[in-house]
N, C-alpha and C. Protein backbone atom coordinates (compact mmCIF):
# COMPACT_ATOMS: atom_id res chain seq x y z
N MET A 1 106.15 160.23 117.56
CA MET A 1 106.72 159.39 116.54
C MET A 1 107.34 160.24 115.49
N ASN A 2 108.85 159.78 115.21
CA ASN A 2 109.60 160.48 114.21
C ASN A 2 109.04 159.94 112.61
N TRP A 3 108.66 161.08 111.86
CA TRP A 3 108.31 160.72 110.52
C TRP A 3 109.31 160.20 109.63
N ALA A 4 110.72 160.27 109.94
CA ALA A 4 111.47 159.97 109.29
C ALA A 4 111.73 158.44 109.55
N VAL A 5 111.76 158.10 110.55
CA VAL A 5 111.81 156.59 110.93
C VAL A 5 110.49 155.82 110.45
N LEU A 6 109.09 156.34 110.42
CA LEU A 6 108.05 155.86 109.66
C LEU A 6 108.17 155.72 108.31
N ARG A 7 109.04 156.78 107.79
CA ARG A 7 109.08 156.80 106.21
C ARG A 7 110.04 155.64 105.83
N ARG A 8 111.13 155.32 106.57
CA ARG A 8 112.21 154.31 106.44
C ARG A 8 111.74 152.95 106.44
N GLU A 9 110.80 152.56 107.84
CA GLU A 9 110.72 151.58 108.42
C GLU A 9 108.99 151.30 107.85
N TRP A 10 108.58 151.90 106.65
CA TRP A 10 107.15 151.46 106.53
C TRP A 10 106.64 150.34 106.33
N GLY A 11 107.61 149.38 105.80
CA GLY A 11 107.09 147.91 105.62
C GLY A 11 106.77 147.37 106.94
N ALA A 12 107.97 147.54 108.01
CA ALA A 12 107.70 146.92 109.45
C ALA A 12 106.26 147.56 110.12
N VAL A 13 106.28 148.76 109.90
CA VAL A 13 104.73 149.14 110.55
C VAL A 13 103.69 148.93 109.78
N THR A 14 103.57 148.56 108.16
CA THR A 14 102.51 148.07 107.78
C THR A 14 102.16 146.51 108.27
N PHE A 15 103.13 145.87 108.39
CA PHE A 15 103.44 144.46 108.92
C PHE A 15 102.74 144.32 110.41
N VAL A 16 103.17 145.20 111.05
CA VAL A 16 102.47 145.18 112.54
C VAL A 16 100.94 145.76 112.39
N LEU A 17 100.72 146.47 111.53
CA LEU A 17 99.11 146.82 111.67
C LEU A 17 98.35 145.90 111.05
N THR A 18 99.05 145.29 110.06
CA THR A 18 98.17 144.12 109.68
C THR A 18 98.00 142.82 110.26
N VAL A 19 99.10 142.53 111.25
CA VAL A 19 98.80 141.70 112.28
C VAL A 19 97.67 141.91 113.28
N ILE A 20 98.05 143.43 113.80
CA ILE A 20 96.70 143.63 114.68
C ILE A 20 95.52 143.82 114.29
N ALA A 21 95.23 144.43 112.91
CA ALA A 21 93.92 144.33 112.64
C ALA A 21 93.46 142.62 112.17
N GLY A 22 94.48 141.60 111.71
CA GLY A 22 94.04 140.11 111.95
C GLY A 22 93.59 139.78 113.26
N MET A 23 94.24 140.17 114.23
CA MET A 23 94.06 139.77 115.47
C MET A 23 92.65 140.17 116.11
N ILE A 24 92.15 141.11 115.25
CA ILE A 24 90.73 141.50 115.77
C ILE A 24 89.62 141.12 115.00
N VAL A 25 90.12 140.77 113.33
CA VAL A 25 89.16 140.68 112.50
C VAL A 25 88.84 138.97 112.61
N VAL A 26 90.03 138.17 112.88
CA VAL A 26 89.66 136.66 112.85
C VAL A 26 88.84 136.25 113.67
N PRO A 27 88.98 136.70 114.89
CA PRO A 27 88.04 136.08 116.01
C PRO A 27 86.72 136.64 115.91
N LEU A 28 86.71 137.89 115.38
CA LEU A 28 85.21 138.37 115.06
C LEU A 28 84.72 137.30 114.06
N ALA A 29 85.31 137.03 112.92
CA ALA A 29 84.73 136.28 111.91
C ALA A 29 84.46 134.79 112.54
N LEU A 30 85.22 134.37 113.22
CA LEU A 30 84.94 132.84 113.60
C LEU A 30 83.68 132.92 114.84
N TYR A 31 83.52 133.96 115.42
CA TYR A 31 82.35 134.14 116.31
C TYR A 31 81.28 134.42 115.59
N PHE A 32 81.09 135.15 114.49
CA PHE A 32 79.99 135.31 113.54
C PHE A 32 79.70 134.25 112.51
N ALA A 33 80.70 133.48 112.40
CA ALA A 33 80.55 132.24 111.71
C ALA A 33 79.65 131.24 112.37
N ASN A 34 79.90 131.14 113.71
CA ASN A 34 79.14 130.11 114.46
C ASN A 34 77.86 130.67 115.17
N GLN A 35 76.94 131.73 114.66
CA GLN A 35 75.88 132.14 115.07
C GLN A 35 74.86 131.94 114.28
N GLY A 36 74.81 130.41 113.59
CA GLY A 36 73.72 130.33 112.67
C GLY A 36 72.40 129.92 113.64
N PRO A 37 71.33 129.87 113.26
CA PRO A 37 70.29 129.47 113.63
C PRO A 37 69.98 128.09 114.08
N GLY A 38 70.63 126.96 113.61
CA GLY A 38 70.49 125.73 113.94
C GLY A 38 72.01 125.41 114.72
N PRO A 39 71.70 124.29 114.85
CA PRO A 39 72.81 123.44 115.99
C PRO A 39 74.02 123.43 115.09
N VAL A 40 75.11 123.25 115.52
CA VAL A 40 76.61 123.07 115.14
C VAL A 40 76.54 121.69 114.71
N ALA A 41 76.83 121.70 113.30
CA ALA A 41 76.96 120.23 112.77
C ALA A 41 78.37 119.43 113.19
N THR A 42 78.28 118.79 113.68
CA THR A 42 79.66 117.90 113.99
C THR A 42 79.53 116.52 113.20
N PRO A 43 80.44 116.78 112.22
CA PRO A 43 80.64 115.11 111.39
C PRO A 43 80.94 114.02 112.51
N SER A 44 80.18 112.80 112.23
CA SER A 44 80.32 111.71 112.96
C SER A 44 81.57 110.80 112.15
N LEU A 45 82.75 110.99 112.50
CA LEU A 45 83.92 110.34 112.35
C LEU A 45 83.92 108.61 112.87
N THR A 46 84.22 108.07 112.06
CA THR A 46 84.29 106.34 112.22
C THR A 46 85.92 105.83 112.05
N THR A 47 86.25 105.67 113.31
CA THR A 47 87.78 105.09 113.12
C THR A 47 87.87 103.98 112.65
N THR A 48 88.48 103.42 111.50
CA THR A 48 88.65 101.98 110.98
C THR A 48 90.29 102.00 110.98
N SER A 49 90.75 100.95 111.38
CA SER A 49 91.82 100.24 111.12
C SER A 49 92.46 100.00 109.53
N SER A 50 93.56 100.27 109.40
CA SER A 50 94.09 100.26 108.08
C SER A 50 94.15 99.03 107.47
N ALA A 51 94.30 98.44 106.56
CA ALA A 51 94.48 97.00 106.23
C ALA A 51 95.61 96.59 106.64
N ARG A 52 96.69 97.06 106.34
CA ARG A 52 97.87 96.64 107.09
C ARG A 52 97.91 95.97 108.48
N ALA A 53 97.39 97.01 109.42
CA ALA A 53 97.15 96.82 110.69
C ALA A 53 96.24 95.63 110.92
N SER A 54 95.20 95.44 110.24
CA SER A 54 94.34 94.32 110.48
C SER A 54 94.73 93.06 109.92
N GLY A 55 95.96 93.19 109.14
CA GLY A 55 95.81 91.89 108.78
C GLY A 55 95.33 91.40 107.26
N VAL A 56 94.37 92.33 106.78
CA VAL A 56 93.81 92.08 105.89
C VAL A 56 94.27 92.44 104.48
N THR A 57 94.67 91.58 103.48
CA THR A 57 95.39 92.02 102.22
C THR A 57 94.43 92.43 101.43
N SER A 58 94.82 93.17 100.34
CA SER A 58 93.84 93.45 99.36
C SER A 58 94.55 92.52 98.43
N PRO A 59 93.27 92.12 97.46
CA PRO A 59 93.70 91.10 96.29
C PRO A 59 94.47 92.01 95.24
N THR A 60 95.42 91.02 94.75
CA THR A 60 96.38 91.47 93.64
C THR A 60 95.50 91.37 92.25
N PRO A 61 95.52 92.44 91.74
CA PRO A 61 94.67 92.10 90.28
C PRO A 61 95.64 91.13 89.41
N THR A 62 94.69 90.12 88.69
CA THR A 62 95.29 89.20 87.72
C THR A 62 95.55 89.94 86.64
N PRO A 63 96.58 89.79 85.58
CA PRO A 63 96.87 90.29 84.58
C PRO A 63 95.88 89.65 83.31
N SER A 64 95.09 90.41 82.51
CA SER A 64 94.58 89.73 81.54
C SER A 64 95.34 89.43 80.41
N HIS A 65 95.12 88.15 79.80
CA HIS A 65 96.19 87.81 78.90
C HIS A 65 95.42 88.21 77.53
N ALA A 66 95.84 89.19 76.93
CA ALA A 66 95.47 89.70 75.54
C ALA A 66 96.35 88.93 74.51
N PRO A 67 95.94 88.58 73.44
CA PRO A 67 96.81 87.87 72.34
C PRO A 67 97.69 88.75 72.19
N SER A 68 98.64 88.27 71.82
CA SER A 68 99.97 89.12 71.31
C SER A 68 100.03 89.55 70.03
N ALA A 69 100.31 90.95 69.65
CA ALA A 69 100.31 91.17 68.29
C ALA A 69 101.55 90.77 67.26
N SER A 70 101.48 89.54 67.20
CA SER A 70 102.77 89.21 66.22
C SER A 70 102.37 89.25 64.62
N PRO A 71 103.59 89.79 63.92
CA PRO A 71 103.31 90.18 62.53
C PRO A 71 103.09 88.47 61.82
N SER A 72 102.04 88.40 61.03
CA SER A 72 101.76 87.53 60.24
C SER A 72 102.42 87.37 58.86
N ALA A 73 102.70 86.25 58.58
CA ALA A 73 103.59 86.23 57.49
C ALA A 73 102.34 86.29 56.29
N SER A 74 102.80 87.25 55.25
CA SER A 74 102.05 87.37 54.22
C SER A 74 102.79 87.14 52.86
N PRO A 75 101.78 86.56 52.05
CA PRO A 75 102.53 86.36 50.68
C PRO A 75 103.19 87.37 49.74
N THR A 76 104.04 87.38 49.20
CA THR A 76 104.65 88.46 48.49
C THR A 76 104.08 88.25 46.94
N HIS A 77 104.07 87.23 46.68
CA HIS A 77 103.21 86.86 45.43
C HIS A 77 102.15 86.14 45.03
């Protein structure tokens, strides 16, 4: 390998070396992460239909009637 090319293209070389290292490290990490003593926990996912698809409408909130803050007439004298 020509050292001048390596010095000029050091970014490309480090990118390729990083990708190669990732191709080795990631499968090993995934393999060893699944080597626990217990069984693999699989979450039980239940599928439910959305409210729009099932025709169920959500109740609309009723507005609360708060007394309006109106200025009261105060005596001046």
